Protein backbone atom coordinates (compact mmCIF):
# COMPACT_ATOMS: atom_id res chain seq x y z
CA MET A 1 31.78 -195.30 22.05
CA ARG A 2 30.69 -192.10 23.80
CA LYS A 3 29.05 -192.66 27.18
CA PRO A 4 25.62 -190.97 27.33
CA PHE A 5 25.44 -187.91 29.57
CA ILE A 6 22.16 -186.62 31.01
CA ALA A 7 22.27 -183.38 33.02
CA GLY A 8 19.45 -181.55 34.76
CA ASN A 9 19.42 -177.74 34.87
CA TRP A 10 17.20 -176.70 37.77
CA LYS A 11 17.49 -173.00 36.83
CA MET A 12 16.00 -170.58 39.42
CA ASN A 13 13.74 -173.15 41.07
CA MET A 14 13.50 -175.15 44.30
CA ASP A 15 14.19 -174.26 47.93
CA SER A 16 16.56 -175.82 50.44
CA ALA A 17 14.28 -178.67 51.52
CA SER A 18 12.91 -179.51 48.08
CA SER A 19 16.34 -179.47 46.45
CA VAL A 20 17.67 -182.00 48.95
CA ALA A 21 14.51 -184.11 48.60
CA LEU A 22 14.87 -184.12 44.81
CA ALA A 23 18.53 -185.10 45.04
CA ALA A 24 17.80 -187.87 47.53
CA GLY A 25 14.97 -189.18 45.37
CA LEU A 26 17.20 -189.30 42.30
CA ALA A 27 19.98 -191.04 44.24
CA LYS A 28 17.53 -193.76 45.25
CA GLU A 29 15.94 -194.17 41.81
CA LEU A 30 19.22 -194.23 39.92
CA GLU A 31 21.42 -196.15 42.36
CA ASN A 32 21.92 -199.03 39.91
CA VAL A 33 22.52 -196.95 36.78
CA GLU A 34 26.15 -197.12 35.72
CA THR A 35 25.99 -196.89 31.92
CA VAL A 36 24.97 -193.21 31.86
CA ASP A 37 26.75 -190.19 33.32
CA VAL A 38 24.26 -188.11 35.29
CA ALA A 39 24.55 -184.63 36.78
CA VAL A 40 22.24 -182.04 38.31
CA CYS A 41 22.80 -178.29 38.36
CA PRO A 42 21.00 -176.67 41.30
CA PRO A 43 21.08 -172.95 42.14
CA PHE A 44 24.38 -171.80 43.68
CA VAL A 45 22.99 -171.63 47.21
CA TYR A 46 22.00 -175.31 47.19
CA THR A 47 25.05 -176.89 45.55
CA GLN A 48 26.62 -177.82 48.88
CA SER A 49 23.54 -179.45 50.39
CA VAL A 50 22.72 -181.23 47.12
CA SER A 51 26.32 -182.48 46.92
CA ALA A 52 25.98 -183.89 50.42
CA ALA A 53 22.70 -185.60 49.51
CA LEU A 54 24.36 -187.19 46.47
CA SER A 55 27.70 -188.04 48.08
CA ALA A 56 27.08 -191.80 48.08
CA SER A 57 25.60 -191.84 44.57
CA ASN A 58 26.93 -191.83 41.01
CA ILE A 59 25.22 -188.49 40.33
CA ALA A 60 27.52 -185.50 39.92
CA VAL A 61 26.73 -181.89 40.75
CA GLY A 62 27.22 -178.94 38.44
CA ALA A 63 26.69 -175.20 38.70
CA GLN A 64 24.63 -173.07 36.34
CA ASP A 65 27.30 -170.41 35.82
CA VAL A 66 30.70 -169.23 37.04
CA TYR A 67 32.95 -166.17 36.85
CA PHE A 68 36.36 -166.38 35.22
CA GLU A 69 38.37 -164.55 37.92
CA GLY A 70 39.73 -166.51 40.86
CA LYS A 71 38.91 -163.98 43.58
CA GLY A 72 38.51 -160.28 44.19
CA ALA A 73 36.04 -157.41 44.07
CA PHE A 74 33.39 -159.06 41.88
CA THR A 75 30.23 -158.61 43.90
CA GLY A 76 27.66 -161.34 43.33
CA GLU A 77 29.96 -163.60 41.35
CA ILE A 78 31.13 -167.15 42.12
CA SER A 79 34.60 -168.53 41.35
CA CYS A 80 35.60 -171.96 40.09
CA ASP A 81 37.31 -172.80 43.39
CA MET A 82 34.17 -171.84 45.31
CA LEU A 83 32.14 -174.22 43.16
CA LYS A 84 34.63 -177.03 43.66
CA ASP A 85 34.57 -176.34 47.40
CA THR A 86 30.82 -177.00 47.45
CA GLY A 87 31.18 -180.28 45.54
CA CYS A 88 30.71 -179.25 41.91
CA THR A 89 32.24 -181.25 39.08
CA TYR A 90 30.54 -179.58 36.10
CA VAL A 91 29.55 -176.02 35.23
CA LEU A 92 27.31 -174.64 32.50
CA ALA A 93 28.72 -171.85 30.34
CA GLY A 94 26.80 -169.79 27.82
CA HIS A 95 23.30 -171.08 28.48
CA SER A 96 20.86 -169.19 26.26
CA GLU A 97 19.34 -167.39 29.24
CA ARG A 98 22.80 -166.09 30.15
CA ARG A 99 23.34 -165.02 26.54
CA HIS A 100 19.97 -163.49 25.74
CA VAL A 101 18.56 -162.41 29.13
CA ILE A 102 21.76 -161.45 30.94
CA GLY A 103 23.65 -160.36 27.82
CA GLU A 104 26.79 -162.49 27.98
CA THR A 105 29.09 -162.38 24.96
CA ASP A 106 30.94 -165.22 23.25
CA GLU A 107 34.19 -163.73 24.53
CA LEU A 108 33.02 -163.76 28.16
CA ILE A 109 31.72 -167.31 27.78
CA ASN A 110 35.10 -168.39 26.41
CA GLN A 111 36.81 -166.87 29.44
CA LYS A 112 34.48 -168.90 31.68
CA VAL A 113 35.12 -172.14 29.77
CA THR A 114 38.86 -171.57 29.94
CA ALA A 115 38.81 -170.74 33.66
CA ALA A 116 36.72 -173.83 34.39
CA ILE A 117 39.21 -176.11 32.64
CA ASP A 118 42.13 -174.38 34.35
CA SER A 119 40.55 -175.10 37.73
CA GLY A 120 39.66 -178.72 36.99
CA LEU A 121 35.93 -178.21 36.44
CA LEU A 122 34.23 -179.77 33.39
CA PRO A 123 32.40 -177.09 31.38
CA ILE A 124 29.23 -177.69 29.41
CA LEU A 125 29.31 -175.13 26.60
CA CYS A 126 25.76 -174.26 25.54
CA VAL A 127 25.06 -173.09 21.99
CA GLY A 128 21.90 -172.51 19.98
CA GLU A 129 20.00 -170.24 17.63
CA LEU A 130 17.02 -167.93 18.10
CA LEU A 131 13.76 -168.59 16.25
CA GLU A 132 14.35 -165.73 13.82
CA GLU A 133 17.82 -167.08 13.08
CA ARG A 134 16.43 -170.52 12.25
CA GLN A 135 13.71 -168.97 10.09
CA ALA A 136 16.40 -167.00 8.28
CA GLU A 137 18.30 -170.27 7.71
CA LYS A 138 21.23 -169.04 9.80
CA THR A 139 21.34 -171.95 12.26
CA THR A 140 24.64 -173.36 10.98
CA GLU A 141 26.28 -169.93 10.85
CA VAL A 142 25.16 -168.92 14.35
CA VAL A 143 25.90 -172.22 16.10
CA ALA A 144 29.28 -172.67 14.38
CA GLU A 145 30.33 -169.18 15.45
CA GLN A 146 29.32 -169.87 19.06
CA VAL A 147 31.28 -173.13 19.07
CA LYS A 148 34.39 -171.55 17.53
CA LYS A 149 34.41 -168.57 19.90
CA GLY A 150 33.47 -170.68 22.94
CA LEU A 151 36.41 -173.04 22.36
CA ALA A 152 38.89 -170.35 21.26
CA GLY A 153 42.41 -170.94 22.54
CA LEU A 154 41.81 -174.52 23.69
CA CYS A 155 44.32 -177.10 22.49
CA ASN A 156 43.46 -180.74 21.69
CA GLU A 157 44.23 -181.89 25.21
CA ARG A 158 42.26 -179.17 27.04
CA VAL A 159 39.18 -179.28 24.82
CA GLN A 160 38.55 -182.87 25.88
CA ALA A 161 37.21 -181.52 29.19
CA VAL A 162 34.29 -179.88 27.35
CA THR A 163 30.79 -181.14 26.68
CA ILE A 164 28.80 -179.18 24.09
CA ALA A 165 25.05 -178.74 24.56
CA TYR A 166 23.01 -177.73 21.52
CA GLU A 167 19.86 -175.95 22.70
CA PRO A 168 17.75 -174.23 20.06
CA VAL A 169 16.55 -171.16 21.95
CA TRP A 170 13.10 -171.40 20.42
CA ALA A 171 12.64 -174.82 22.04
CA ILE A 172 13.68 -173.96 25.61
CA GLY A 173 10.72 -173.90 27.96
CA THR A 174 8.26 -173.43 25.10
CA GLY A 175 7.03 -176.99 24.74
CA LEU A 176 8.46 -176.95 21.21
CA THR A 177 11.19 -179.47 20.52
CA ALA A 178 13.49 -179.80 17.56
CA THR A 179 12.59 -182.95 15.68
CA PRO A 180 15.12 -185.76 16.10
CA GLU A 181 16.17 -185.05 12.50
CA GLN A 182 16.69 -181.34 13.20
CA ALA A 183 18.71 -182.14 16.30
CA GLN A 184 20.82 -184.69 14.44
CA GLU A 185 21.52 -182.26 11.61
CA VAL A 186 22.98 -179.63 13.95
CA HIS A 187 24.82 -182.19 16.09
CA ALA A 188 26.43 -183.65 12.96
CA MET A 189 27.42 -180.16 11.84
CA ILE A 190 29.04 -179.47 15.24
CA ARG A 191 30.92 -182.78 15.10
CA GLY A 192 32.17 -181.97 11.63
CA LEU A 193 33.29 -178.55 12.84
CA LEU A 194 35.19 -180.15 15.72
CA ALA A 195 37.04 -182.32 13.21
CA GLU A 196 38.02 -179.17 11.32
CA LEU A 197 39.06 -177.24 14.44
CA TYR A 198 40.89 -180.19 16.01
CA ASP A 199 40.92 -183.68 14.49
CA GLU A 200 38.65 -186.65 13.90
CA ASP A 201 39.59 -188.29 17.20
CA ILE A 202 38.48 -185.20 19.14
CA ALA A 203 35.31 -184.97 17.07
CA GLN A 204 34.42 -188.57 17.84
CA THR A 205 35.29 -188.23 21.54
CA LEU A 206 33.51 -185.04 22.60
CA ARG A 207 29.93 -185.47 23.74
CA ILE A 208 27.17 -183.28 22.34
CA GLN A 209 23.97 -183.03 24.34
CA TYR A 210 20.58 -181.87 23.08
CA GLY A 211 18.51 -179.47 25.17
CA GLY A 212 15.19 -177.78 24.61
CA SER A 213 11.98 -179.24 26.04
CA ALA A 214 13.53 -182.69 26.37
CA LYS A 215 11.20 -184.90 28.38
CA PRO A 216 10.39 -188.58 28.98
CA GLY A 217 8.21 -188.80 25.90
CA ASN A 218 10.89 -187.77 23.40
CA THR A 219 14.02 -189.13 25.09
CA ALA A 220 14.24 -192.38 23.11
CA GLU A 221 13.75 -190.67 19.74
CA LEU A 222 16.34 -188.00 20.42
CA MET A 223 18.90 -190.42 21.83
CA ALA A 224 18.46 -192.74 18.83
CA GLN A 225 20.22 -190.16 16.66
CA PRO A 226 23.86 -191.11 16.04
CA ASP A 227 25.33 -187.75 17.08
CA VAL A 228 23.08 -187.04 20.09
CA ASP A 229 25.12 -188.17 23.09
CA GLY A 230 22.92 -186.94 25.89
CA LEU A 231 20.38 -184.41 27.08
CA LEU A 232 20.45 -181.14 29.01
CA VAL A 233 17.08 -181.23 30.72
CA GLY A 234 15.18 -178.24 32.11
CA GLY A 235 11.66 -178.56 33.51
CA ALA A 236 11.59 -182.36 33.48
CA SER A 237 14.64 -182.44 35.76
CA LEU A 238 12.59 -180.95 38.60
CA LYS A 239 10.57 -184.14 39.09
CA VAL A 240 12.18 -187.33 40.35
CA GLU A 241 9.92 -189.59 38.28
CA ASP A 242 10.46 -187.66 35.02
CA PHE A 243 14.22 -187.23 35.20
CA ALA A 244 14.78 -190.77 36.48
CA ALA A 245 12.59 -192.13 33.67
CA MET A 246 14.72 -190.30 31.10
CA VAL A 247 17.96 -191.64 32.53
CA LYS A 248 16.57 -195.17 32.70
CA THR A 249 15.37 -194.93 29.09
CA VAL A 250 18.90 -194.05 28.01
CA ALA A 251 20.43 -196.72 30.23
């Protein structure tokens, strides 16, 4: 039985005071929740203060991105060890905004996933198709390629550190949400692909989150799908009452 995993991606939002207030509010609201893994991913500059605010809670902290080199002349980048030093357990890799706004390639994302695992961080590999790719009926082709390239070079043992997040790009921040059936179809495809790439045990162990305008009102329907193991939440994770409600619904 895969333990549900709900993570909040705060993106480029919040300030120092509001990030700590949000973390403290979530710690209070979710102090008795033990049946769901929960994480929040604040901006880099707030990971340390958010980690401190959550230190007595069951809520983990993740980062929104990372660089694959350990140190050196990489101006503006953040290493895995730096993230761990500020209290991070998880790190996102390949979020659609990194792919399609910043221009990250599958190969770069794979380097980040690999570096995260090497350092002891738990990567959340984000995959998903553009609207035109779904309309062209290329969802399976696009998502499968992203999964294969994102996990390239990882053996059975190392891949178990990964969570996969399926986020249809057309549903991120648009108010549109994949229907539970659409989400399930892609999640089932990813699980089948994992069985092909690794084995059935790995396929049944790895968690696959859904992301893309997930909110309190659609949490129960999405999580009722057999292959949806959690949610990667954007806008709704910025409000204590909304994100806490989603976690409690799953719990």
